[in-house]
C-alpha cells in the first residue's frame, strides 16, 4: 500500500506542477468572441460509455459505465491556453475468465493538465495542438467466487502519461463549430496493486511495475458558447509488467492487456 500511495503522490505532484504553470496565464483576458478559439471558463457534464478490458486468452471485463466530467480553461492574449480536466466513471461489469461473475464494481478517476495554442488557418478553421500530463486511477473489486468456484481479489491500477493532441475547430454557422480531437498518450509508467491476500490461499499482496504501453483518444464534439457534446473513444494497450514473488514458491505479473472505452458526452460551459 505504501508503494501505491507514493506512486499516486508522485503523479499528483507532477500534475500540480503543470497546474501551477497554467495559473500564471494573464488574468485580464476576457472570453474570445471567435468560436474557433479555445474558450475560457468552466465546463461540467456527464457521459455514458461501453467498457471492455481484456487480458488476451485469460480474462475480460465488460459493461456499461456512467461518469461525470469537469474542466477549467485559462486563456491569454497570445492565444496560449491551459486546461485542467477531471473525470470520474463507474460501472458494474461482467467478469469472464475462470468462470463468470456479475456486477463487479469498477471505478476510474482521471486528472489531466495540458498547455496548448490556437492557430487560426482562415475565417472558418483553427488548429489547437497541446501537450500535458495525465494520471489515471482504476479500482475494481473481484472479491467473491466465480461460477466455477475461483476466488477473486481487489485490484488497483495507476498510469502516468503525457497526452499529445490536436483539436481542429471548423465553423458550421455563427455560433456552432465541429471540433474533432485526436490524441496520443505517451505511457510513462504504471503500478498494478493486486490484493491477493483477499483469496485466503496464503499469497501475499503484489505490486507490479509497468513500463511499456501506449494510449489513444478521439473525440468528435459539436460546440457552442454554452454547450459541447458528441462521441468519444479511449484506448490503452499495456505490455507485461515485471514479476514479483507472492509466497508459497509462486510469483505474479500483470499480463499484457488492452482497454477500450467509447461513449457520448455532454458538457455545459460557463
Protein backbone atom coordinates (compact mmCIF):
# COMPACT_ATOMS: atom_id res chain seq x y z
CA UNK A 1 0.00 0.00 0.00
CA UNK A 2 2.89 2.36 0.80
CA UNK A 3 4.34 1.92 -2.71
CA UNK A 4 0.93 2.58 -4.24
CA UNK A 5 0.48 5.79 -2.22
CA UNK A 6 3.98 7.03 -3.15
CA UNK A 7 3.21 6.46 -6.83
CA UNK A 8 -0.10 8.33 -6.54
CA UNK A 9 1.65 11.25 -4.79
CA UNK A 10 4.30 11.35 -7.49
CA UNK A 11 1.67 11.63 -10.24
CA UNK A 12 -0.30 14.20 -8.24
CA UNK A 13 2.85 16.29 -7.66
CA UNK A 14 3.66 16.37 -11.37
CA UNK A 15 0.10 17.39 -12.18
CA UNK A 16 0.25 20.11 -9.53
CA UNK A 17 3.45 21.48 -11.06
CA UNK A 18 1.90 21.77 -14.51
CA UNK A 19 -1.23 23.27 -12.99
CA UNK A 20 0.85 25.91 -11.21
CA UNK A 21 2.40 26.90 -14.53
CA UNK A 22 -1.03 27.22 -16.14
CA UNK A 23 -2.33 29.54 -13.42
CA UNK A 24 0.22 32.16 -14.45
CA UNK A 25 -1.76 32.96 -17.61
CA UNK A 26 -2.71 36.67 -17.67
CA UNK A 27 -5.83 37.30 -15.58
CA UNK A 28 -7.06 40.23 -17.63
CA UNK A 29 -8.03 38.05 -20.61
CA UNK A 30 -11.72 38.08 -21.50
CA UNK A 31 -13.51 35.23 -23.25
CA UNK A 32 -12.89 35.36 -27.02
CA UNK A 33 -15.88 36.09 -29.21
CA UNK A 34 -14.46 33.94 -32.02
CA UNK A 35 -15.91 30.41 -31.61
CA UNK A 36 -12.84 28.97 -33.36
CA UNK A 37 -10.66 29.89 -30.38
CA UNK A 38 -10.41 27.89 -27.18
CA UNK A 39 -12.99 29.16 -24.71
CA UNK A 40 -12.01 30.33 -21.24
CA UNK A 41 -14.03 29.16 -18.22
CA UNK A 42 -15.69 26.20 -16.53
CA UNK A 43 -17.24 23.09 -18.05
CA UNK A 44 -19.26 20.41 -16.22
CA UNK A 45 -21.07 17.45 -17.67
CA UNK A 46 -21.76 13.74 -17.83
CA UNK A 47 -21.06 10.75 -20.02
CA UNK A 48 -22.23 7.22 -20.72
CA UNK A 49 -19.95 4.54 -22.11
CA UNK A 50 -19.34 0.95 -23.14
CA UNK A 51 -16.26 -0.58 -21.50
CA UNK A 52 -14.11 -3.58 -22.43
CA UNK A 53 -10.93 -4.64 -20.59
CA UNK A 54 -9.15 -7.79 -21.77
CA UNK A 55 -6.11 -9.89 -20.95
CA UNK A 56 -5.99 -11.97 -24.16
CA UNK A 57 -6.68 -15.68 -23.64
CA UNK A 58 -7.03 -15.07 -19.86
CA UNK A 59 -9.97 -12.88 -18.86
CA UNK A 60 -12.10 -9.87 -19.70
CA UNK A 61 -14.37 -7.34 -18.02
CA UNK A 62 -17.25 -5.76 -19.96
CA UNK A 63 -20.16 -3.50 -19.20
CA UNK A 64 -21.78 -0.08 -19.18
CA UNK A 65 -20.47 2.95 -17.33
CA UNK A 66 -21.73 6.38 -16.26
CA UNK A 67 -19.47 9.27 -15.37
CA UNK A 68 -19.02 12.94 -14.56
CA UNK A 69 -16.52 15.37 -16.09
CA UNK A 70 -15.32 18.84 -15.21
CA UNK A 71 -12.72 21.27 -16.51
CA UNK A 72 -11.40 24.78 -16.25
CA UNK A 73 -9.57 26.51 -19.11
CA UNK A 74 -7.26 29.53 -18.86
CA UNK A 75 -6.53 31.66 -21.94
CA UNK A 76 -4.14 34.51 -22.72
CA UNK A 77 -3.98 37.34 -25.30
CA UNK A 78 -1.36 35.47 -27.37
CA UNK A 79 -3.81 32.53 -27.79
CA UNK A 80 -1.92 30.23 -25.44
CA UNK A 81 -4.31 28.21 -23.29
CA UNK A 82 -4.02 25.78 -20.40
CA UNK A 83 -6.63 23.38 -19.11
CA UNK A 84 -7.31 21.22 -16.07
CA UNK A 85 -9.60 18.19 -16.59
CA UNK A 86 -11.16 15.82 -14.07
CA UNK A 87 -13.15 12.66 -14.81
CA UNK A 88 -14.84 10.02 -12.68
CA UNK A 89 -16.56 6.94 -14.10
CA UNK A 90 -18.33 3.94 -12.51
CA UNK A 91 -19.61 0.64 -13.82
CA UNK A 92 -20.90 -2.75 -12.66
CA UNK A 93 -19.09 -5.11 -15.02
CA UNK A 94 -19.29 -8.77 -16.04
CA UNK A 95 -16.15 -10.87 -15.49
CA UNK A 96 -15.33 -13.80 -17.77
CA UNK A 97 -12.24 -15.91 -17.21
CA UNK A 98 -12.06 -18.56 -14.52
CA UNK A 99 -15.81 -18.82 -14.74
CA UNK A 100 -18.05 -15.77 -14.69
CA UNK A 101 -19.01 -13.14 -12.11
CA UNK A 102 -21.61 -10.39 -12.46
CA UNK A 103 -21.83 -6.86 -11.04
CA UNK A 104 -18.11 -6.28 -10.45
CA UNK A 105 -17.69 -2.70 -9.09
CA UNK A 106 -15.22 -0.69 -11.18
CA UNK A 107 -14.12 2.95 -10.68
CA UNK A 108 -11.96 5.15 -12.91
CA UNK A 109 -10.62 8.57 -11.87
CA UNK A 110 -8.51 10.78 -14.14
CA UNK A 111 -6.78 14.13 -13.67
CA UNK A 112 -5.04 15.97 -16.51
CA UNK A 113 -3.40 19.32 -17.14
CA UNK A 114 -2.47 20.46 -20.68
CA UNK A 115 -0.97 23.54 -22.33
CA UNK A 116 -1.53 24.49 -25.97
CA UNK A 117 -2.01 27.28 -28.50
CA UNK A 118 -4.70 28.24 -31.03
CA UNK A 119 -3.71 28.84 -34.66
CA UNK A 120 -6.30 30.37 -37.00
CA UNK A 121 -5.98 28.95 -40.51
CA UNK A 122 -8.64 31.23 -42.03
CA UNK A 123 -12.10 32.53 -41.29
CA UNK A 124 -13.63 29.09 -40.83
CA UNK A 125 -10.99 26.84 -39.24
CA UNK A 126 -8.42 26.71 -36.44
CA UNK A 127 -5.88 24.18 -35.13
CA UNK A 128 -5.09 23.82 -31.41
CA UNK A 129 -2.19 21.49 -30.55
CA UNK A 130 -1.50 20.67 -26.89
CA UNK A 131 0.75 18.66 -24.55
CA UNK A 132 0.44 17.92 -20.86
CA UNK A 133 0.48 15.40 -18.04
CA UNK A 134 -2.17 12.85 -17.05
CA UNK A 135 -2.88 10.47 -14.18
CA UNK A 136 -5.35 7.55 -14.37
CA UNK A 137 -6.53 5.55 -11.35
CA UNK A 138 -8.67 2.43 -11.62
CA UNK A 139 -10.12 0.24 -8.87
CA UNK A 140 -12.13 -2.93 -9.30
CA UNK A 141 -13.40 -5.39 -6.73
CA UNK A 142 -13.40 -9.02 -7.85
CA UNK A 143 -13.81 -10.44 -4.36
CA UNK A 144 -16.11 -13.41 -4.17
CA UNK A 145 -16.42 -16.64 -6.12
CA UNK A 146 -16.92 -17.08 -9.84
CA UNK A 147 -19.30 -19.61 -11.37
CA UNK A 148 -16.53 -22.25 -11.22
CA UNK A 149 -15.56 -21.50 -7.60
CA UNK A 150 -12.47 -19.42 -8.42
CA UNK A 151 -11.84 -16.78 -5.75
CA UNK A 152 -11.20 -13.14 -6.66
CA UNK A 153 -9.48 -10.11 -5.14
CA UNK A 154 -9.25 -6.31 -5.29
CA UNK A 155 -7.10 -4.60 -7.92
CA UNK A 156 -5.77 -1.05 -8.29
CA UNK A 157 -4.21 0.28 -11.49
CA UNK A 158 -2.35 3.58 -11.81
CA UNK A 159 -0.95 5.15 -15.00
CA UNK A 160 1.07 8.33 -15.51
CA UNK A 161 1.23 9.56 -19.10
CA UNK A 162 1.87 12.52 -21.41
CA UNK A 163 -1.10 13.45 -23.63
CA UNK A 164 -0.07 14.92 -27.01
CA UNK A 165 -3.01 16.00 -29.12
CA UNK A 166 -4.59 18.26 -31.70
CA UNK A 167 -8.07 19.81 -31.79
CA UNK A 168 -9.42 21.26 -35.03
CA UNK A 169 -12.39 23.63 -34.99
CA UNK A 170 -14.46 24.03 -38.16
CA UNK A 171 -17.15 26.69 -38.35
CA UNK A 172 -20.65 25.44 -39.16
CA UNK A 173 -22.53 28.69 -38.55
CA UNK A 174 -22.39 31.84 -36.48
CA UNK A 175 -22.47 30.05 -33.12
CA UNK A 176 -21.55 26.40 -33.69
CA UNK A 177 -18.30 24.63 -34.58
CA UNK A 178 -17.38 20.99 -35.16
CA UNK A 179 -14.33 20.11 -33.02
CA UNK A 180 -12.62 16.76 -33.73
CA UNK A 181 -9.68 15.86 -31.45
CA UNK A 182 -7.02 13.17 -31.85
CA UNK A 183 -4.53 12.33 -29.10
CA UNK A 184 -1.60 10.01 -28.47
CA UNK A 185 -0.84 9.14 -24.85
CA UNK A 186 2.85 8.54 -24.10
CA UNK A 187 2.93 5.98 -21.29
CA UNK A 188 5.45 7.00 -18.61
CA UNK A 189 4.80 4.10 -16.26
CA UNK A 190 2.25 2.28 -14.19
CA UNK A 191 1.68 0.33 -10.99
CA UNK A 192 -0.65 -2.62 -10.53
CA UNK A 193 -1.60 -3.48 -6.97
CA UNK A 194 -3.24 -6.91 -6.51
CA UNK A 195 -4.57 -7.66 -3.03
CA UNK A 196 -4.00 -11.39 -3.32
CA UNK A 197 -4.45 -11.81 0.42
CA UNK A 198 -8.19 -11.49 -0.30
CA UNK A 199 -8.11 -15.03 -1.70
CA UNK A 200 -7.27 -16.57 1.69
CA UNK A 201 -4.95 -19.04 -0.06
CA UNK A 202 -1.79 -17.72 1.61
CA UNK A 203 -0.45 -15.45 -1.13
CA UNK A 204 0.96 -12.04 -0.24
CA UNK A 205 -0.17 -8.84 -1.98
CA UNK A 206 1.68 -7.90 -5.16
CA UNK A 207 2.77 -4.56 -6.60
CA UNK A 208 3.92 -4.80 -10.23
CA UNK A 209 5.66 -2.12 -12.30
CA UNK A 210 4.62 -1.49 -15.90
CA UNK A 211 6.94 0.37 -18.26
CA UNK A 212 5.74 -0.34 -21.80
CA UNK A 213 2.45 0.79 -23.29
CA UNK A 214 0.54 3.44 -25.21
CA UNK A 215 -2.85 5.05 -25.43
CA UNK A 216 -5.06 6.79 -28.00
CA UNK A 217 -8.08 9.09 -27.75
CA UNK A 218 -10.52 10.59 -30.22
CA UNK A 219 -13.46 12.99 -29.83
CA UNK A 220 -15.95 14.49 -32.27
CA UNK A 221 -17.63 17.35 -30.43
CA UNK A 222 -20.16 19.95 -31.51
CA UNK A 223 -19.51 23.18 -29.58
CA UNK A 224 -21.36 26.42 -28.93
CA UNK A 225 -20.83 29.16 -26.36
CA UNK A 226 -22.60 27.17 -23.62
CA UNK A 227 -22.76 23.57 -24.84
CA UNK A 228 -20.45 20.84 -26.12
CA UNK A 229 -21.49 17.28 -26.92
CA UNK A 230 -20.50 14.31 -29.04
CA UNK A 231 -18.97 10.80 -29.17
CA UNK A 232 -15.54 9.82 -27.83
CA UNK A 233 -13.14 6.85 -27.67
CA UNK A 234 -10.33 5.94 -25.23
CA UNK A 235 -7.92 3.05 -25.85
CA UNK A 236 -4.97 1.64 -23.87
CA UNK A 237 -2.55 -1.17 -24.71
CA UNK A 238 -0.16 -2.11 -21.90
CA UNK A 239 2.54 -4.81 -22.08
CA UNK A 240 3.65 -7.36 -19.46
CA UNK A 241 4.77 -5.98 -16.10
CA UNK A 242 7.73 -7.12 -14.04
CA UNK A 243 7.42 -10.28 -11.93
CA UNK A 244 7.35 -10.32 -8.13
CA UNK A 245 7.22 -13.14 -5.54
CA UNK A 246 3.88 -13.72 -3.78
CA UNK A 247 4.79 -16.56 -1.43
CA UNK A 248 4.30 -20.32 -1.46
CA UNK A 249 7.04 -20.54 -4.08
CA UNK A 250 4.95 -18.60 -6.60
CA UNK A 251 5.42 -15.31 -8.47
CA UNK A 252 2.99 -13.00 -10.25
CA UNK A 253 2.96 -10.44 -13.04
CA UNK A 254 0.34 -8.27 -14.72
CA UNK A 255 -0.11 -9.70 -18.24
CA UNK A 256 -0.45 -7.76 -21.48
CA UNK A 257 -3.86 -6.12 -21.61
CA UNK A 258 -5.93 -3.63 -23.56
CA UNK A 259 -8.82 -1.37 -22.63
CA UNK A 260 -11.40 0.11 -25.00
CA UNK A 261 -13.98 2.61 -23.81
CA UNK A 262 -16.37 4.59 -26.00
CA UNK A 263 -19.45 6.67 -25.40
CA UNK A 264 -21.21 10.02 -25.61
CA UNK A 265 -20.51 13.11 -23.52
CA UNK A 266 -22.42 16.35 -22.83
CA UNK A 267 -20.86 19.44 -21.20
CA UNK A 268 -22.31 22.77 -20.09
CA UNK A 269 -19.89 25.70 -20.39
CA UNK A 270 -19.97 28.84 -18.27
